[in-house]
Amino acid sequence: MDWSLPTWWWVICGGLVAAELASGATFYLLMLALGAAAAAVTAHLGGPFWSQLVVAALVGGGAVAWWHARQRRHPRTPARENPNVNLDIGQSLDVPHWRADGTAEVRYRGAAWQARFVGTGAPHGGRHVIRAVEGSCLMVDAA
């Protein structure tokens, strides 16, 4: 069987997508797959091999550079502090009293939780806001 050049580009594109799905580590392989798809389209339009390579490099490399710059501009919020991941963040609760080590046992959502004060100053009883969740410990700050 003799495969045409566009078919090889599509196979490369599919291989990059499969590698990304298998690893799941980064998004960069999908950007390179986009470059291979652009080269396949260039090959379908009858472009010479050198132009297919240039298109693959420009589209794939440009997409990788764009994604890298985007990731640097918008760093990820850790899941323990992200209210889109953990709906408890931003909720308020009452802390009756604090222990000397800055922890307390609180009732929240009908269960007993450990709370740790992460605000500034000395912890005091009253209304607090959940800032992060680490396991079963609520990181709270004064409201």
N, C-alpha and C. Protein backbone atom coordinates (compact mmCIF):
# COMPACT_ATOMS: atom_id res chain seq x y z
N MET A 1 0.84 -1.16 0.00
CA MET A 1 0.00 0.00 0.00
C MET A 1 0.89 1.23 0.00
N ASP A 2 0.55 2.18 -0.87
CA ASP A 2 1.33 3.41 -0.99
C ASP A 2 0.48 4.58 -0.49
N TRP A 3 0.88 5.16 0.64
CA TRP A 3 0.12 6.25 1.23
C TRP A 3 0.58 7.59 0.66
N SER A 4 -0.37 8.47 0.47
CA SER A 4 -0.04 9.80 0.00
C SER A 4 0.51 10.64 1.16
N LEU A 5 1.10 11.76 0.81
CA LEU A 5 1.68 12.64 1.83
C LEU A 5 0.63 13.18 2.81
N PRO A 6 -0.55 13.60 2.35
CA PRO A 6 -1.55 14.06 3.32
C PRO A 6 -1.94 12.97 4.33
N THR A 7 -1.97 11.73 3.89
CA THR A 7 -2.32 10.63 4.79
C THR A 7 -1.28 10.51 5.89
N TRP A 8 0.00 10.65 5.55
CA TRP A 8 1.05 10.60 6.56
C TRP A 8 0.89 11.72 7.58
N TRP A 9 0.55 12.92 7.11
CA TRP A 9 0.34 14.03 8.04
C TRP A 9 -0.83 13.74 8.98
N TRP A 10 -1.91 13.13 8.45
CA TRP A 10 -3.06 12.80 9.31
C TRP A 10 -2.68 11.71 10.31
N VAL A 11 -1.84 10.76 9.90
CA VAL A 11 -1.39 9.72 10.83
C VAL A 11 -0.54 10.34 11.94
N ILE A 12 0.34 11.27 11.57
CA ILE A 12 1.14 11.97 12.58
C ILE A 12 0.24 12.74 13.53
N CYS A 13 -0.76 13.42 12.98
CA CYS A 13 -1.71 14.17 13.81
C CYS A 13 -2.43 13.23 14.78
N GLY A 14 -2.93 12.13 14.27
CA GLY A 14 -3.61 11.15 15.13
C GLY A 14 -2.70 10.56 16.18
N GLY A 15 -1.44 10.31 15.81
CA GLY A 15 -0.48 9.79 16.79
C GLY A 15 -0.21 10.78 17.91
N LEU A 16 -0.11 12.06 17.56
CA LEU A 16 0.10 13.09 18.59
C LEU A 16 -1.11 13.21 19.52
N VAL A 17 -2.31 13.14 18.95
CA VAL A 17 -3.52 13.19 19.78
C VAL A 17 -3.58 11.97 20.69
N ALA A 18 -3.27 10.80 20.15
CA ALA A 18 -3.29 9.58 20.97
C ALA A 18 -2.25 9.65 22.08
N ALA A 19 -1.07 10.19 21.78
CA ALA A 19 -0.04 10.33 22.81
C ALA A 19 -0.49 11.29 23.90
N GLU A 20 -1.17 12.37 23.51
CA GLU A 20 -1.69 13.32 24.51
C GLU A 20 -2.75 12.66 25.38
N LEU A 21 -3.65 11.92 24.77
CA LEU A 21 -4.69 11.24 25.54
C LEU A 21 -4.11 10.18 26.47
N ALA A 22 -3.06 9.51 26.03
CA ALA A 22 -2.44 8.47 26.85
C ALA A 22 -1.66 9.07 28.02
N SER A 23 -0.99 10.20 27.77
CA SER A 23 -0.19 10.80 28.85
C SER A 23 -1.03 11.72 29.72
N GLY A 24 -1.82 12.56 29.12
CA GLY A 24 -2.66 13.49 29.87
C GLY A 24 -1.88 14.51 30.66
N ALA A 25 -0.60 14.59 30.44
CA ALA A 25 0.23 15.46 31.27
C ALA A 25 0.16 16.92 30.83
N THR A 26 0.20 17.18 29.54
CA THR A 26 0.22 18.55 29.06
C THR A 26 -0.74 18.72 27.90
N PHE A 27 -0.86 19.94 27.46
CA PHE A 27 -1.72 20.27 26.33
C PHE A 27 -0.88 20.49 25.08
N TYR A 28 0.44 20.45 25.21
CA TYR A 28 1.33 20.83 24.14
C TYR A 28 1.27 19.87 22.94
N LEU A 29 1.07 18.58 23.19
CA LEU A 29 1.01 17.64 22.07
C LEU A 29 -0.19 17.92 21.17
N LEU A 30 -1.28 18.41 21.75
CA LEU A 30 -2.43 18.78 20.92
C LEU A 30 -2.11 19.99 20.05
N MET A 31 -1.29 20.89 20.55
CA MET A 31 -0.88 22.04 19.75
C MET A 31 -0.02 21.58 18.57
N LEU A 32 0.85 20.61 18.81
CA LEU A 32 1.65 20.08 17.72
C LEU A 32 0.79 19.30 16.73
N ALA A 33 -0.24 18.63 17.23
CA ALA A 33 -1.18 17.93 16.34
C ALA A 33 -1.91 18.94 15.45
N LEU A 34 -2.19 20.10 15.96
CA LEU A 34 -2.80 21.16 15.15
C LEU A 34 -1.88 21.56 14.01
N GLY A 35 -0.59 21.62 14.27
CA GLY A 35 0.38 21.91 13.21
C GLY A 35 0.41 20.82 12.16
N ALA A 36 0.34 19.55 12.59
CA ALA A 36 0.32 18.44 11.63
C ALA A 36 -0.96 18.48 10.79
N ALA A 37 -2.08 18.84 11.40
CA ALA A 37 -3.34 18.95 10.65
C ALA A 37 -3.26 20.07 9.63
N ALA A 38 -2.64 21.19 9.99
CA ALA A 38 -2.46 22.29 9.04
C ALA A 38 -1.57 21.86 7.88
N ALA A 39 -0.54 21.08 8.17
CA ALA A 39 0.33 20.56 7.10
C ALA A 39 -0.44 19.60 6.21
N ALA A 40 -1.34 18.81 6.78
CA ALA A 40 -2.16 17.89 5.98
C ALA A 40 -3.07 18.66 5.03
N VAL A 41 -3.64 19.74 5.52
CA VAL A 41 -4.50 20.58 4.66
C VAL A 41 -3.67 21.21 3.56
N THR A 42 -2.46 21.66 3.90
CA THR A 42 -1.57 22.21 2.88
C THR A 42 -1.23 21.15 1.83
N ALA A 43 -1.01 19.92 2.27
CA ALA A 43 -0.71 18.84 1.32
C ALA A 43 -1.93 18.55 0.44
N HIS A 44 -3.14 18.59 1.02
CA HIS A 44 -4.36 18.38 0.22
C HIS A 44 -4.53 19.47 -0.82
N LEU A 45 -4.09 20.69 -0.50
CA LEU A 45 -4.20 21.80 -1.45
C LEU A 45 -3.09 21.79 -2.50
N GLY A 46 -2.17 20.81 -2.40
CA GLY A 46 -1.13 20.66 -3.41
C GLY A 46 0.15 21.40 -3.13
N GLY A 47 0.34 21.87 -1.90
CA GLY A 47 1.57 22.58 -1.55
C GLY A 47 2.76 21.63 -1.57
N PRO A 48 3.93 22.14 -1.94
CA PRO A 48 5.13 21.29 -1.93
C PRO A 48 5.51 20.88 -0.51
N PHE A 49 6.35 19.87 -0.40
CA PHE A 49 6.70 19.32 0.90
C PHE A 49 7.35 20.37 1.81
N TRP A 50 8.22 21.21 1.26
CA TRP A 50 8.87 22.23 2.08
C TRP A 50 7.84 23.18 2.70
N SER A 51 6.77 23.52 1.94
CA SER A 51 5.76 24.42 2.49
C SER A 51 4.92 23.70 3.56
N GLN A 52 4.75 22.40 3.41
CA GLN A 52 4.04 21.63 4.43
C GLN A 52 4.82 21.65 5.75
N LEU A 53 6.14 21.49 5.65
CA LEU A 53 6.98 21.55 6.84
C LEU A 53 6.94 22.93 7.49
N VAL A 54 6.98 23.97 6.65
CA VAL A 54 6.94 25.34 7.18
C VAL A 54 5.60 25.59 7.88
N VAL A 55 4.49 25.16 7.26
CA VAL A 55 3.17 25.36 7.87
C VAL A 55 3.07 24.58 9.18
N ALA A 56 3.56 23.34 9.18
CA ALA A 56 3.53 22.54 10.42
C ALA A 56 4.33 23.22 11.52
N ALA A 57 5.50 23.73 11.17
CA ALA A 57 6.35 24.39 12.18
C ALA A 57 5.72 25.69 12.66
N LEU A 58 5.19 26.49 11.76
CA LEU A 58 4.62 27.78 12.15
C LEU A 58 3.34 27.60 12.97
N VAL A 59 2.44 26.75 12.50
CA VAL A 59 1.18 26.56 13.22
C VAL A 59 1.42 25.82 14.54
N GLY A 60 2.13 24.71 14.50
CA GLY A 60 2.40 23.95 15.72
C GLY A 60 3.25 24.72 16.70
N GLY A 61 4.35 25.30 16.22
CA GLY A 61 5.22 26.08 17.10
C GLY A 61 4.53 27.33 17.62
N GLY A 62 3.76 28.00 16.76
CA GLY A 62 3.03 29.18 17.20
C GLY A 62 1.99 28.84 18.25
N ALA A 63 1.29 27.72 18.06
CA ALA A 63 0.29 27.30 19.04
C ALA A 63 0.94 26.94 20.38
N VAL A 64 2.08 26.28 20.33
CA VAL A 64 2.81 25.95 21.57
C VAL A 64 3.25 27.22 22.27
N ALA A 65 3.81 28.19 21.51
CA ALA A 65 4.25 29.45 22.11
C ALA A 65 3.07 30.21 22.71
N TRP A 66 1.94 30.24 22.00
CA TRP A 66 0.75 30.93 22.50
C TRP A 66 0.26 30.27 23.79
N TRP A 67 0.18 28.93 23.80
CA TRP A 67 -0.31 28.23 25.00
C TRP A 67 0.63 28.46 26.18
N HIS A 68 1.92 28.42 25.93
CA HIS A 68 2.89 28.63 27.00
C HIS A 68 2.75 30.05 27.58
N ALA A 69 2.60 31.04 26.72
CA ALA A 69 2.44 32.42 27.18
C ALA A 69 1.12 32.57 27.94
N ARG A 70 0.08 31.91 27.48
CA ARG A 70 -1.21 31.97 28.17
C ARG A 70 -1.11 31.36 29.57
N GLN A 71 -0.42 30.25 29.70
CA GLN A 71 -0.25 29.61 30.99
C GLN A 71 0.54 30.49 31.95
N ARG A 72 1.50 31.23 31.44
CA ARG A 72 2.29 32.13 32.30
C ARG A 72 1.47 33.33 32.75
N ARG A 73 0.57 33.82 31.87
CA ARG A 73 -0.27 34.97 32.23
C ARG A 73 -1.38 34.59 33.20
N HIS A 74 -1.88 33.38 33.09
CA HIS A 74 -3.00 32.92 33.93
C HIS A 74 -2.59 31.68 34.71
N PRO A 75 -1.81 31.85 35.79
CA PRO A 75 -1.40 30.67 36.55
C PRO A 75 -2.61 30.01 37.21
N ARG A 76 -2.53 28.71 37.37
CA ARG A 76 -3.62 27.94 37.97
C ARG A 76 -3.71 28.19 39.47
N THR A 77 -4.95 28.26 39.94
CA THR A 77 -5.20 28.32 41.38
C THR A 77 -5.25 26.88 41.88
N PRO A 78 -4.54 26.56 42.96
CA PRO A 78 -4.62 25.19 43.47
C PRO A 78 -6.07 24.83 43.81
N ALA A 79 -6.43 23.57 43.59
CA ALA A 79 -7.81 23.13 43.80
C ALA A 79 -8.28 23.40 45.23
N ARG A 80 -7.38 23.35 46.19
CA ARG A 80 -7.78 23.55 47.58
C ARG A 80 -8.21 25.00 47.84
N GLU A 81 -7.84 25.93 46.92
CA GLU A 81 -8.21 27.34 47.07
C GLU A 81 -9.14 27.83 45.97
N ASN A 82 -9.55 26.97 45.07
CA ASN A 82 -10.34 27.36 43.91
C ASN A 82 -11.83 27.17 44.19
N PRO A 83 -12.61 28.26 44.24
CA PRO A 83 -14.05 28.11 44.51
C PRO A 83 -14.81 27.44 43.37
N ASN A 84 -14.22 27.35 42.18
CA ASN A 84 -14.87 26.63 41.08
C ASN A 84 -14.74 25.12 41.23
N VAL A 85 -13.77 24.68 42.02
CA VAL A 85 -13.56 23.26 42.27
C VAL A 85 -14.19 22.85 43.59
N ASN A 86 -13.98 23.67 44.62
CA ASN A 86 -14.47 23.36 45.96
C ASN A 86 -15.50 24.41 46.36
N LEU A 87 -16.75 24.03 46.38
CA LEU A 87 -17.83 24.98 46.64
C LEU A 87 -17.88 25.47 48.09
N ASP A 88 -17.10 24.87 48.99
CA ASP A 88 -17.07 25.33 50.38
C ASP A 88 -16.31 26.65 50.52
N ILE A 89 -15.41 26.94 49.60
CA ILE A 89 -14.60 28.14 49.69
C ILE A 89 -15.50 29.37 49.51
N GLY A 90 -15.36 30.29 50.45
CA GLY A 90 -16.18 31.49 50.43
C GLY A 90 -17.41 31.40 51.32
N GLN A 91 -17.71 30.20 51.81
CA GLN A 91 -18.85 30.03 52.71
C GLN A 91 -18.45 30.49 54.11
N SER A 92 -19.44 30.86 54.90
CA SER A 92 -19.14 31.33 56.24
C SER A 92 -19.64 30.34 57.28
N LEU A 93 -19.02 30.42 58.45
CA LEU A 93 -19.39 29.56 59.57
C LEU A 93 -19.04 30.27 60.87
N ASP A 94 -19.59 29.77 61.96
CA ASP A 94 -19.32 30.34 63.28
C ASP A 94 -18.29 29.47 64.00
N VAL A 95 -17.31 30.14 64.60
CA VAL A 95 -16.31 29.47 65.42
C VAL A 95 -16.55 29.93 66.86
N PRO A 96 -17.00 29.01 67.74
CA PRO A 96 -17.30 29.44 69.11
C PRO A 96 -16.06 29.85 69.90
N HIS A 97 -14.98 29.08 69.81
CA HIS A 97 -13.74 29.43 70.52
C HIS A 97 -12.56 28.71 69.86
N TRP A 98 -11.38 29.27 70.06
CA TRP A 98 -10.15 28.75 69.46
C TRP A 98 -9.28 28.13 70.54
N ARG A 99 -8.52 27.12 70.13
CA ARG A 99 -7.50 26.55 71.01
C ARG A 99 -6.24 27.42 70.93
N ALA A 100 -5.32 27.18 71.82
CA ALA A 100 -4.08 27.97 71.87
C ALA A 100 -3.23 27.79 70.61
N ASP A 101 -3.35 26.62 69.93
CA ASP A 101 -2.53 26.37 68.75
C ASP A 101 -3.15 26.92 67.46
N GLY A 102 -4.24 27.67 67.55
CA GLY A 102 -4.85 28.27 66.37
C GLY A 102 -5.79 27.35 65.63
N THR A 103 -6.24 26.27 66.27
CA THR A 103 -7.20 25.37 65.66
C THR A 103 -8.49 25.37 66.49
N ALA A 104 -9.54 24.86 65.87
CA ALA A 104 -10.83 24.79 66.57
C ALA A 104 -11.63 23.65 65.96
N GLU A 105 -12.61 23.17 66.70
CA GLU A 105 -13.56 22.21 66.16
C GLU A 105 -14.85 22.96 65.91
N VAL A 106 -15.35 22.86 64.67
CA VAL A 106 -16.55 23.61 64.28
C VAL A 106 -17.59 22.66 63.68
N ARG A 107 -18.82 23.10 63.69
CA ARG A 107 -19.90 22.39 63.02
C ARG A 107 -20.13 23.08 61.69
N TYR A 108 -20.03 22.30 60.63
CA TYR A 108 -20.24 22.85 59.29
C TYR A 108 -20.90 21.78 58.45
N ARG A 109 -21.97 22.10 57.80
CA ARG A 109 -22.75 21.17 56.98
C ARG A 109 -23.17 19.94 57.78
N GLY A 110 -23.51 20.13 59.02
CA GLY A 110 -24.03 19.04 59.84
C GLY A 110 -22.99 18.07 60.35
N ALA A 111 -21.71 18.41 60.23
CA ALA A 111 -20.65 17.51 60.67
C ALA A 111 -19.59 18.30 61.44
N ALA A 112 -18.80 17.58 62.20
CA ALA A 112 -17.70 18.20 62.93
C ALA A 112 -16.47 18.29 62.01
N TRP A 113 -15.87 19.47 61.96
CA TRP A 113 -14.70 19.73 61.15
C TRP A 113 -13.61 20.34 62.02
N GLN A 114 -12.39 20.18 61.61
CA GLN A 114 -11.28 20.92 62.21
C GLN A 114 -11.13 22.22 61.43
N ALA A 115 -10.84 23.29 62.12
CA ALA A 115 -10.61 24.58 61.46
C ALA A 115 -9.27 25.11 61.92
N ARG A 116 -8.58 25.77 61.00
CA ARG A 116 -7.30 26.40 61.31
C ARG A 116 -7.39 27.86 60.89
N PHE A 117 -6.96 28.75 61.75
CA PHE A 117 -7.01 30.17 61.46
C PHE A 117 -5.84 30.55 60.55
N VAL A 118 -6.13 31.17 59.40
CA VAL A 118 -5.08 31.57 58.47
C VAL A 118 -5.06 33.07 58.25
N GLY A 119 -5.85 33.80 59.03
CA GLY A 119 -5.90 35.25 58.90
C GLY A 119 -4.75 35.91 59.62
N THR A 120 -4.82 37.23 59.67
CA THR A 120 -3.79 37.99 60.38
C THR A 120 -4.29 38.31 61.77
N GLY A 121 -3.40 38.48 62.68
CA GLY A 121 -3.76 38.79 64.06
C GLY A 121 -4.10 37.54 64.83
N ALA A 122 -4.66 37.75 66.02
CA ALA A 122 -5.02 36.63 66.89
C ALA A 122 -6.42 36.13 66.54
N PRO A 123 -6.63 34.81 66.53
CA PRO A 123 -7.97 34.30 66.23
C PRO A 123 -8.94 34.64 67.36
N HIS A 124 -10.18 34.92 66.99
CA HIS A 124 -11.22 35.22 67.97
C HIS A 124 -12.51 34.53 67.54
N GLY A 125 -13.37 34.25 68.48
CA GLY A 125 -14.63 33.60 68.17
C GLY A 125 -15.54 34.49 67.34
N GLY A 126 -16.46 33.87 66.61
CA GLY A 126 -17.40 34.63 65.79
C GLY A 126 -17.48 34.10 64.37
N ARG A 127 -17.95 34.95 63.48
CA ARG A 127 -18.16 34.58 62.07
C ARG A 127 -16.83 34.55 61.33
N HIS A 128 -16.62 33.47 60.55
CA HIS A 128 -15.40 33.30 59.76
C HIS A 128 -15.77 32.84 58.35
N VAL A 129 -14.86 33.04 57.42
CA VAL A 129 -15.05 32.65 56.02
C VAL A 129 -14.01 31.59 55.66
N ILE A 130 -14.44 30.56 54.95
CA ILE A 130 -13.53 29.49 54.52
C ILE A 130 -12.71 30.00 53.34
N ARG A 131 -11.38 29.94 53.46
CA ARG A 131 -10.47 30.38 52.41
C ARG A 131 -9.88 29.22 51.62
N ALA A 132 -9.74 28.04 52.26
CA ALA A 132 -9.19 26.85 51.59
C ALA A 132 -9.62 25.63 52.39
N VAL A 133 -9.49 24.47 51.75
CA VAL A 133 -9.81 23.21 52.40
C VAL A 133 -8.65 22.26 52.16
N GLU A 134 -8.09 21.73 53.24
CA GLU A 134 -7.01 20.73 53.16
C GLU A 134 -7.51 19.47 53.84
N GLY A 135 -7.93 18.50 53.07
CA GLY A 135 -8.48 17.27 53.62
C GLY A 135 -9.75 17.56 54.37
N SER A 136 -9.76 17.32 55.68
CA SER A 136 -10.94 17.62 56.49
C SER A 136 -10.71 18.82 57.38
N CYS A 137 -9.75 19.66 57.03
CA CYS A 137 -9.45 20.85 57.81
C CYS A 137 -9.81 22.09 56.99
N LEU A 138 -10.63 22.94 57.57
CA LEU A 138 -11.04 24.18 56.93
C LEU A 138 -10.08 25.30 57.31
N MET A 139 -9.52 25.97 56.33
CA MET A 139 -8.66 27.13 56.57
C MET A 139 -9.56 28.35 56.56
N VAL A 140 -9.68 29.02 57.70
CA VAL A 140 -10.65 30.12 57.81
C VAL A 140 -9.97 31.43 58.16
N ASP A 141 -10.67 32.50 57.83
CA ASP A 141 -10.24 33.86 58.12
C ASP A 141 -11.45 34.59 58.69
N ALA A 142 -11.21 35.60 59.50
CA ALA A 142 -12.32 36.36 60.08
C ALA A 142 -13.15 37.01 58.99
N ALA A 143 -14.46 37.01 59.17
CA ALA A 143 -15.36 37.60 58.17
C ALA A 143 -15.30 39.11 58.20
